[in-house]
Each structure stands twice: as C-alpha cells, then as structure tokens.
Protein backbone atom coordinates (compact mmCIF):
# COMPACT_ATOMS: atom_id res chain seq x y z
CA MET A 1 -0.26 -0.20 0.07
CA MET A 2 2.60 2.59 1.06
CA LYS A 3 4.75 1.57 -2.00
CA MET A 4 1.50 2.44 -4.34
CA THR A 5 1.01 5.58 -3.00
CA GLY A 6 4.66 6.52 -3.09
CA LYS A 7 4.50 5.82 -6.85
CA ALA A 8 1.48 7.29 -7.52
CA PHE A 9 2.55 10.61 -6.12
CA SER A 10 6.02 10.26 -7.51
CA LYS A 11 4.68 9.82 -11.05
CA LYS A 12 2.93 13.13 -10.52
CA LEU A 13 5.71 15.07 -9.20
CA PHE A 14 8.42 13.38 -11.37
CA GLY A 15 6.81 12.56 -14.63
CA ALA A 16 5.28 8.91 -15.62
CA LYS A 17 8.66 7.43 -16.34
CA TYR A 18 10.58 9.81 -13.76
CA GLU A 19 12.21 11.67 -17.06
CA ARG A 20 12.50 14.75 -15.20
CA LEU A 21 15.26 13.71 -12.62
CA PRO A 22 18.05 13.16 -15.16
CA ARG A 23 17.28 16.51 -16.84
CA THR A 24 17.38 17.85 -12.96
CA LEU A 25 20.60 16.20 -12.23
CA LEU A 26 22.06 17.16 -15.67
CA ILE A 27 21.25 20.89 -14.88
CA TYR A 28 23.43 20.54 -11.49
CA ILE A 29 26.29 18.95 -12.83
CA ILE A 30 26.70 22.00 -15.38
CA VAL A 31 26.22 24.47 -12.43
CA PHE A 32 28.69 22.45 -10.22
CA TRP A 33 31.28 22.17 -12.77
CA GLY A 34 31.10 25.74 -14.29
CA LEU A 35 31.12 27.33 -10.87
CA TYR A 36 34.31 24.96 -9.87
CA ILE A 37 36.48 25.93 -12.79
CA ALA A 38 36.12 29.47 -12.16
CA ASP A 39 38.04 28.80 -9.00
CA PHE A 40 35.40 31.44 -7.00
CA GLN A 41 35.98 30.57 -3.10
CA VAL A 42 33.70 31.88 -0.55
CA GLN A 43 33.92 31.48 3.45
CA ILE A 44 30.77 30.05 4.95
CA ALA A 45 30.49 29.54 8.35
CA SER A 46 29.10 25.70 9.30
CA SER A 47 25.85 27.03 11.08
CA VAL A 48 25.03 29.42 8.22
CA ARG A 49 25.29 26.48 5.87
CA VAL A 50 22.64 24.43 8.17
CA LEU A 51 20.53 27.69 8.30
CA MET A 52 20.52 28.13 4.67
CA VAL A 53 19.86 24.53 3.48
CA SER A 54 17.10 23.75 6.09
CA ALA A 55 15.82 27.13 5.22
CA PHE A 56 15.43 26.73 1.53
CA THR A 57 14.16 23.09 2.26
CA ALA A 58 11.73 24.02 4.49
CA GLY A 59 10.43 26.60 2.27
CA VAL A 60 10.12 24.45 -1.18
CA MET A 61 8.36 21.92 1.28
CA TRP A 62 5.89 24.04 2.86
CA GLN A 63 5.19 25.64 -0.73
CA ALA A 64 4.49 21.93 -2.22
CA LEU A 65 2.32 21.17 0.75
CA SER A 66 -0.18 24.18 0.42
CA SER A 67 0.25 23.63 -3.32
CA LYS A 68 -3.62 23.98 -4.70
CA ASP A 69 -2.54 21.49 -7.84
CA ASN A 70 -1.48 18.89 -5.39
CA ALA A 71 -4.27 19.63 -3.11
CA GLU A 72 -6.56 18.35 -6.02
CA GLU A 73 -4.31 15.09 -6.30
CA LEU A 74 -4.41 14.51 -2.61
CA LYS A 75 -8.21 14.88 -2.89
CA ALA A 76 -8.71 12.15 -5.11
CA MET A 77 -6.46 9.79 -3.01
CA LEU A 78 -8.20 10.39 -0.01
CA MET A 79 -11.37 9.18 -1.62
CA LEU A 80 -9.73 5.71 -1.90
CA PRO A 81 -9.31 3.40 0.95
CA PHE A 82 -5.94 3.92 2.95
CA ARG A 83 -4.12 3.28 5.95
CA HIS A 84 -3.23 6.41 7.61
CA ARG A 85 0.34 6.01 8.61
CA GLU A 86 1.23 4.39 5.53
CA PHE A 87 -0.46 7.28 3.61
CA VAL A 88 1.06 10.11 5.34
CA PHE A 89 4.81 8.85 5.20
CA SER A 90 4.30 8.15 1.64
CA TYR A 91 3.11 11.48 0.62
CA VAL A 92 6.11 13.08 3.10
CA VAL A 93 8.41 10.67 1.55
CA ALA A 94 7.35 11.64 -2.32
CA LEU A 95 7.11 15.75 -1.58
CA GLY A 96 10.40 15.40 0.51
CA ALA A 97 12.09 13.64 -2.71
CA TYR A 98 10.82 16.17 -4.80
CA ALA A 99 11.78 19.18 -2.61
CA VAL A 100 15.32 17.64 -2.17
CA LEU A 101 16.17 16.64 -5.62
CA THR A 102 14.56 19.16 -7.41
CA LYS A 103 15.14 22.74 -5.79
CA THR A 104 17.71 21.97 -2.71
CA GLY A 105 20.09 20.02 -5.19
CA LEU A 106 21.01 23.12 -6.98
CA LEU A 107 21.64 25.42 -4.01
CA LEU A 108 23.48 22.40 -2.75
CA ALA A 109 25.84 21.96 -6.20
CA VAL A 110 26.46 25.80 -5.91
CA LEU A 111 27.52 25.74 -2.01
CA LEU A 112 29.80 22.53 -3.17
CA ALA A 113 31.31 24.33 -5.57
CA VAL A 114 32.11 27.78 -3.84
CA SER A 115 33.15 26.48 -0.47
CA GLU A 116 35.56 23.68 1.15
CA TRP A 117 33.56 21.23 2.68
CA LYS A 118 34.72 18.02 4.55
CA ALA A 119 33.17 14.50 3.98
CA ILE A 120 31.57 14.66 7.97
CA GLU A 121 29.60 18.11 6.66
CA ILE A 122 28.31 16.40 3.61
CA ILE A 123 26.76 14.00 6.14
CA GLY A 124 25.39 16.92 8.23
CA ILE A 125 24.01 18.88 5.60
CA VAL A 126 22.09 15.48 4.17
CA ILE A 127 20.81 15.20 7.81
CA CYS A 128 19.64 18.67 7.96
CA MET A 129 17.84 18.35 4.42
CA LEU A 130 15.85 15.36 6.06
CA HIS A 131 15.23 17.33 9.20
CA ALA A 132 13.73 19.97 7.61
CA VAL A 133 11.46 17.62 5.48
CA LEU A 134 10.11 16.21 8.44
CA MET A 135 9.45 19.21 10.32
CA VAL A 136 7.68 21.12 7.88
CA ALA A 137 5.38 17.99 7.29
CA ALA A 138 5.05 17.89 11.03
CA VAL A 139 4.17 21.82 11.29
CA TYR A 140 1.75 21.41 8.68
CA SER A 141 -0.12 19.11 9.81
CA LEU A 142 -0.45 20.60 13.16
CA ARG A 143 -1.10 24.32 11.22
CA LYS A 144 -4.65 24.68 13.52
CA TYR A 145 -2.23 24.75 16.47
CA TRP A 146 -0.35 28.00 14.46
CA TYR A 147 1.02 29.64 17.77
CA ALA A 148 2.89 26.45 19.08
CA ASP A 149 4.17 25.61 15.24
CA VAL A 150 5.59 29.59 15.55
CA LEU A 151 7.25 28.44 18.65
CA TRP A 152 8.66 25.30 17.75
CA THR A 153 10.21 26.73 14.85
CA ALA A 154 11.40 29.98 16.42
CA ILE A 155 13.29 27.57 18.91
CA VAL A 156 14.83 25.16 16.04
CA VAL A 157 16.37 28.25 13.84
CA ALA A 158 17.75 30.06 17.62
CA ALA A 159 19.36 26.81 18.24
CA ILE A 160 20.60 26.55 15.14
CA PHE A 161 21.98 29.90 14.75
CA LEU A 162 23.52 30.02 18.04
CA CYS A 163 24.63 26.43 18.52
CA GLY A 164 28.21 26.93 16.85
CA SER A 165 29.28 23.68 17.98
CA ARG A 166 29.07 20.87 15.13
CA THR A 167 28.42 18.18 18.11
CA TRP A 168 25.27 20.26 19.31
CA ILE A 169 23.72 20.54 15.96
CA SER A 170 24.33 16.93 15.25
CA LEU A 171 22.83 15.84 18.40
CA LEU A 172 19.71 18.58 18.22
CA LEU A 173 18.46 18.08 14.61
CA PRO A 174 17.97 14.15 15.06
CA ALA A 175 16.43 14.58 18.25
CA ASN A 176 14.15 17.28 16.59
CA GLY A 177 13.29 14.90 13.55
CA LEU A 178 12.47 12.36 16.18
CA LEU A 179 10.08 14.42 17.68
CA ALA A 180 8.44 15.48 13.82
CA VAL A 181 8.03 11.56 13.44
CA LEU A 182 6.46 10.95 16.28
CA PHE A 183 4.18 13.96 15.38
CA LEU A 184 3.71 12.36 11.88
CA TRP A 185 2.92 9.02 13.39
CA ARG A 186 -0.09 10.24 15.55
CA ALA A 187 -1.37 12.12 12.12
CA ASP A 188 -3.65 11.28 9.43
CA GLY A 189 -3.76 12.01 5.42
CA TYR A 190 -6.81 14.76 6.21
CA ALA A 191 -4.62 16.84 8.18
CA PHE A 192 -2.38 17.68 4.86
CA TYR A 193 -5.60 18.36 3.02
CA GLN A 194 -6.92 22.20 2.67
CA TRP A 195 -10.50 22.40 3.38
CA GLU A 196 -12.45 25.32 2.11
CA SER A 197 -15.12 26.71 4.07
CA LYS A 198 -18.71 27.07 3.07
CA ARG A 199 -19.14 30.47 3.73
CA SER A 200 -16.03 31.56 1.89
CA TYR A 201 -17.21 29.82 -1.08
CA ALA A 202 -20.83 31.21 -0.91
CA VAL A 203 -19.53 34.92 -0.59
CA ARG A 204 -17.13 34.19 -3.49
CA GLN A 205 -20.46 32.93 -5.71
CA ARG A 206 -22.21 36.14 -4.60
CA LYS A 207 -19.70 38.68 -5.92
CA LYS A 208 -20.07 40.04 -9.32
CA ALA A 209 -16.94 39.43 -11.94
CA SER A 210 -14.25 41.63 -11.39
CA LEU A 211 -10.72 41.27 -12.99
CA TRP A 212 -9.73 43.87 -10.15
CA ARG A 213 -11.24 42.05 -7.28
CA TYR A 214 -9.53 38.91 -8.91
CA PHE A 215 -5.99 40.31 -8.83
CA PHE A 216 -6.31 41.58 -5.29
CA ARG A 217 -8.05 38.40 -3.93
CA TYR A 218 -5.70 36.25 -5.64
CA LEU A 219 -2.68 38.33 -3.71
CA ILE A 220 -4.54 38.09 -0.23
CA CYS A 221 -4.96 34.10 -0.88
CA HIS A 222 -1.44 33.83 -1.78
CA LYS A 223 0.40 35.03 1.19
CA ASN A 224 3.79 34.32 -0.30
CA TYR A 225 3.16 37.18 -2.92
CA LEU A 226 2.20 39.59 -0.43
CA LEU A 227 5.74 38.66 1.43
CA ASN A 228 7.74 39.02 -1.71
CA THR A 229 5.96 42.40 -2.15
CA ALA A 230 6.88 43.38 1.50
CA VAL A 231 10.75 42.22 0.51
CA MET A 232 10.63 44.81 -2.44
CA TRP A 233 9.51 47.62 -0.68
CA CYS A 234 12.31 46.71 1.97
CA VAL A 235 14.52 46.92 -0.87
CA ALA A 236 13.39 49.79 -2.30
CA LEU A 237 13.83 51.52 1.26
CA VAL A 238 17.57 50.64 1.86
CA MET A 239 18.74 50.63 -2.12
CA PRO A 240 19.01 54.21 -2.45
CA TYR A 241 22.40 54.44 0.12
CA PHE A 242 24.21 51.55 -1.67
CA LEU A 243 23.23 52.86 -5.30
CA LYS A 244 24.68 56.74 -4.32
CA GLU A 245 27.58 54.74 -2.92
CA ILE A 246 28.49 53.05 -6.26
CA ALA A 247 27.62 56.02 -8.97
CA GLY A 248 25.53 58.71 -7.70
CA LEU A 249 22.33 59.61 -9.90
CA SER A 250 22.69 58.08 -13.16
CA VAL A 251 22.65 54.43 -11.67
CA ALA A 252 19.02 55.19 -10.59
CA PRO A 253 17.56 53.04 -13.61
CA ILE A 254 19.09 50.16 -12.32
CA GLY A 255 17.20 50.71 -9.13
CA PHE A 256 14.07 50.72 -10.93
CA ALA A 257 15.07 47.66 -12.92
CA VAL A 258 16.03 45.73 -9.61
CA LEU A 259 12.64 46.50 -8.24
CA SER A 260 10.94 45.09 -11.69
CA LEU A 261 11.62 41.59 -9.78
CA ASN A 262 8.27 40.83 -8.18
CA THR A 263 7.82 38.27 -10.72
CA PRO A 264 4.99 36.46 -9.01
CA ILE A 265 2.42 38.94 -9.84
CA CYS A 266 3.55 38.02 -13.47
CA ILE A 267 2.52 34.52 -13.80
CA LEU A 268 -1.28 35.01 -13.30
CA LEU A 269 -2.36 33.37 -16.39
CA SER A 270 0.21 30.18 -15.82
CA CYS A 271 -0.60 29.39 -12.33
CA ASP A 272 -4.29 29.59 -13.05
CA ARG A 273 -4.84 27.43 -15.76
CA ASP A 274 -8.74 27.68 -15.37
CA MET A 275 -8.19 31.46 -15.26
CA GLU A 276 -6.44 31.09 -18.93
CA GLN A 277 -8.76 28.81 -20.47
CA ALA A 278 -11.87 30.78 -20.31
CA VAL A 279 -9.67 34.09 -21.01
CA ARG A 280 -8.52 32.44 -24.47
CA PHE A 281 -11.64 31.11 -25.13
CA LEU A 282 -14.22 33.57 -24.70
CA PRO A 283 -14.21 36.39 -27.33
CA GLY A 284 -12.87 39.56 -26.49
CA GLN A 285 -11.10 38.93 -23.48
CA LYS A 286 -7.47 39.69 -25.09
CA ARG A 287 -8.38 42.92 -24.50
CA ARG A 288 -10.48 43.13 -21.52
CA PHE A 289 -7.52 40.83 -19.28
CA CYS A 290 -4.39 42.30 -20.95
CA ILE A 291 -4.99 45.74 -20.02
CA PRO A 292 -6.31 45.82 -16.67
CA TYR A 293 -3.55 43.22 -16.17
CA CYS A 294 -0.80 45.63 -17.30
CA LEU A 295 -2.04 48.46 -15.24
CA PHE A 296 -2.04 45.88 -12.12
CA ILE A 297 1.49 45.00 -12.59
CA PHE A 298 2.48 49.02 -13.41
CA LEU A 299 0.77 49.85 -10.30
CA CYS A 300 2.69 47.40 -8.21
CA ASN A 301 5.78 48.38 -9.47
CA MET A 302 5.07 51.85 -9.26
CA MET A 303 4.68 51.42 -5.55
CA ALA A 304 7.97 50.15 -4.96
CA ASP A 305 9.37 52.74 -7.76
CA ALA A 306 7.56 55.81 -5.51
CA ILE A 307 9.42 53.90 -2.12
CA PHE A 308 12.46 54.19 -4.03
CA LEU A 309 12.40 57.63 -4.66
CA ILE A 310 11.37 58.99 -1.67
CA SER A 311 14.17 56.98 0.25
CA TRP A 312 16.30 58.49 -2.38
CA GLN A 313 15.01 62.28 -1.70
CA THR A 314 15.56 61.64 2.20
CA GLN A 315 18.70 59.75 2.21
CA ASN A 316 20.54 61.82 -0.79
CA GLY A 317 18.08 64.62 -2.02
CA GLY A 318 18.40 65.69 -5.95
CA VAL A 319 15.34 63.90 -7.15
CA THR A 320 14.11 65.27 -10.08
CA ALA A 321 11.21 65.14 -12.58
CA PHE A 322 13.18 63.13 -15.09
CA MET A 323 13.71 60.56 -12.71
CA GLY A 324 9.99 59.92 -11.86
CA CYS A 325 9.55 59.68 -15.85
CA GLU A 326 12.52 57.15 -15.56
CA ALA A 327 10.16 55.00 -12.80
CA VAL A 328 7.59 55.48 -15.09
CA PHE A 329 9.15 54.44 -18.17
CA PHE A 330 10.86 51.15 -16.31
CA ALA A 331 7.34 50.37 -14.42
CA LEU A 332 5.17 50.44 -17.31
CA GLN A 333 7.75 48.93 -19.85
CA SER A 334 8.37 45.65 -17.33
CA ALA A 335 4.65 45.69 -17.08
CA VAL A 336 3.90 45.39 -20.87
CA LEU A 337 6.57 43.01 -21.53
CA SER A 338 5.59 40.63 -18.32
CA VAL A 339 1.80 40.63 -20.16
CA MET A 340 3.16 40.22 -23.48
CA LEU A 341 5.42 36.99 -22.29
CA GLU A 342 2.59 35.53 -20.23
CA TRP A 343 0.02 35.40 -23.36
CA VAL A 344 2.32 34.52 -25.99
CA TYR A 345 4.79 31.58 -23.98
CA PRO A 346 2.82 30.73 -20.81
CA ILE A 347 4.60 28.56 -18.51
CA ARG A 348 2.46 24.93 -18.78
CA ASP A 349 4.97 21.95 -18.05
CA TRP A 350 5.07 22.37 -14.42
CA LYS A 351 3.60 19.81 -12.09
CA ILE A 352 2.89 21.84 -8.62
CA GLU A 353 3.04 25.68 -8.02
CA SER A 354 6.43 25.24 -6.39
CA ASP A 355 8.04 24.36 -10.22
CA LEU A 356 6.02 27.68 -11.65
CA TRP A 357 7.55 29.69 -8.87
CA HIS A 358 11.12 28.76 -9.86
CA HIS A 359 11.04 28.48 -13.39
CA PRO A 360 13.80 30.52 -15.49
CA ARG A 361 11.28 32.22 -17.87
CA LYS A 362 9.91 34.62 -15.03
CA TYR A 363 13.28 36.62 -14.78
CA VAL A 364 13.44 36.98 -18.83
CA VAL A 365 11.88 40.72 -18.32
CA PRO A 366 13.78 41.82 -15.23
CA VAL A 367 17.30 40.63 -17.00
CA VAL A 368 16.10 42.53 -20.22
CA MET A 369 15.22 45.51 -17.74
CA LEU A 370 18.54 45.39 -15.94
CA LEU A 371 20.67 45.38 -19.34
CA LEU A 372 18.39 48.35 -20.50
CA ALA A 373 19.00 50.35 -16.90
CA GLY A 374 23.19 49.10 -17.52
CA ALA A 375 23.02 51.10 -20.81
CA ALA A 376 21.34 54.21 -19.69
CA SER A 377 23.19 54.16 -16.74
CA ALA A 378 26.26 53.98 -19.13
CA TRP A 379 25.28 56.40 -21.96
CA PRO A 380 22.58 58.58 -19.82
CA ILE A 381 22.31 60.60 -23.70
CA LEU A 382 20.79 57.24 -24.92
CA LEU A 383 17.97 57.14 -22.18
CA TYR A 384 16.23 59.82 -24.04
CA ALA A 385 16.25 57.78 -27.20
CA MET A 386 15.05 54.68 -25.66
CA LEU A 387 12.41 56.50 -23.89
CA VAL A 388 10.90 57.67 -27.31
CA LEU A 389 11.34 54.50 -29.20
CA LEU A 390 10.17 52.42 -26.46
CA ALA A 391 6.89 54.83 -25.44
CA VAL A 392 6.09 54.45 -28.88
CA GLU A 393 6.05 50.49 -28.99
CA THR A 394 4.14 50.53 -25.57
CA VAL A 395 1.67 52.43 -27.04
CA VAL A 396 1.70 50.30 -30.23
CA VAL A 397 1.35 46.93 -27.76
CA LEU A 398 -1.45 48.66 -26.00
CA GLY A 399 -3.32 49.61 -29.49
CA ILE A 400 -3.08 45.71 -30.38
CA CYS A 401 -4.35 44.19 -26.99
CA TRP A 402 -7.41 47.01 -27.21
CA LYS A 403 -8.55 45.59 -30.63
C-alpha cells in the first residue's frame, strides 16, 4: 500500500517515467562544474550553511504541501481506502524527495562549488535536509495550532543559529527530527488536505465578476506573493544608500530595474489554468484581460518605485522630474513585456506551483530591464532615445491589445 501510494505521488511530481530527474541532475552537474572551474571561493560558516539549506528546503517543502494543484491530487487519493500512517509517510517521502532533488540540489551544487567541504559536513547537510522535510511536514499537519508551530520553529532556528558547535547541531537535528516523526505517526491523511469553508465559497459566488477583485483576492489568498512584495518595498527603502555610494544619480535606472523583480505577480495566467482557458476561449478577453493586468503590474511596480524615490530624496536628495519619468517608464515597460510574455508564452510544463515559482522564464523581463538600465546608466544620452522609441512601442502594443 505504501509503495503504491508513493509511486502515484512520485509519478505526479517527476513524470510518468521519472524523466524529470535525469534532466535536473544534468543541470546541477553543469552548474557545479561551471562554478568549480571558475575557482571562485567563499568562506561560509557551518551554522550559516545549516541554516541556509534548512530554510530553503523547508520553504520548498511548505510550498509543495500548500500547493492547490497538489491538493486536487490529494483529494482524489483520499477518496480511496487507505491506511493513515502508510499514506502520511508515503506522501511526505514523495514531496520530500521532490523538494530535495529538484530544488535544494541546485543550492547544494552552488555551495559545494564555491566553498570547501569535509565528508562529515556533507553528511550533516543531508541530515539537515531530512530534518527540514520532516519538521515542515509535522508543522503543516498541526497548522491549526499555529501558535505552537511558530514557537517550535523559532526555537529550532535560534538553536541552529546560536549553536556553533557541530556536536550540538548533530544532536539537536536528529532529536528534533524524531519528534517530528512522532507527530507524523499520530497524523492522518486529512491533516494535509486544505479544506475550504462553505461560507467563503458562498461569498465568492455572490460577488460579481471583476478582474481587479480577482487580482487583489489572488494576492490575499497567496500570502507568499504579498511577502515578496513587502520584501521589494524593503529593498526599495535601503537600495538608494548603496546605489549612491556606487555611482550617483546616473545609476537610478538600475534601481528601477531591480524593483521589477516582483515576478510572482507576472504569472497569473500560468498559475491559474482555468483562468487562462476562460480568457483564451471567450471572445474579446484579450483586451479585457491584458489591459487591466498590465495596469495592475504597473501599479505594483510604481508603488515600489515611489518608495525608492522617497527614500532617495530622504537619504541623498536631488530627485528630479526626469527620475520620475524614468520610474514610470521602467514600471510600464516591465508590465507590458511581462503581460506579452505571459500571453504569448505561458508556463505550462509545471507539476505543482513550486515548479512555477522557480521557473527561469520568470526572470526574462527583469534581465532585459537590467540590461537596459545598465546601458542607460553608462550612456545617459541614450536614455532619451530609449524613452521615445520604447514609449512608441508600448503604445503600439496597447493598441493591439485594445483591438
């Protein structure tokens, strides 16, 4: 029973014939070898490595457990007869293997390439990954007791960060992992299912259709998107200090380009397959969806840019109207290119949302914006021509969407 359940979840995550694993491992080998032959070395403390690998694995595991697409698969499996303990551990093992092999493996390849390791440290990192998988699964199964989960997580993170001794960490993690196993032993499969209240469903049915309501409700339902937006606002607050130290006012476009890295809001079609099908199937939806979506991304970008300009004026002074025009340009151009890319080339080959959130296609527009900002900072006179030419291109694209 456990083997059959684990195989069903594994095929969902890795493909019918596990074809995703060889491709992923090949990418890790290329990344490791490229960094290793570059002879780029960084000294990283052992506690920092442990905390880094543990936090990254825990984040990916939490995303996998809270995936709505994965919830549909789990709902179908829960309709069949099952044994609670075998079901829980097969589910946790499948998602843990996904988190470690397809996501944490890349971080581990980078860390192995840029820093020196001992054999005992590699064994310790493996223990860290297993500990993160078990603890997150246990915390997720007990999420109705959120206050206890927060306290438990805070204690473990503080212990990892403060215990510089490898002996203490090697004792702490297995002991805490055993505690997580005990919680999972008492859990059942329904503890991992996301229940939707009837009241929220009824309220949603009574509401009239509105794209703007959809956009903001989507952000509210996905707290990690709001967290990413808050992080970008914090970056906007502190970035003027560092940019002023580098090159002065001419480097401001780089700040606007960096603030376009709020990529989660740029994949709303890719992450909601039902929404994409409805938008493409119904007539006139290209104009009705793309223009509000472009304005929504533009407003999100402009909020970060406005914080950046206010922080620049407070710390450095000298904000001009031209800098405001640059902010509007980069925010609008990033929004237009993001919507175009999402409409023409949506991401469809993802298994669960975690694949979507880490897809390389998300970073195409920010990279283009950074290249454009670098050229504008190096040759400021070119920025005027870029503003005129790309403003015309923006108007043309919006005109096409309007037809």
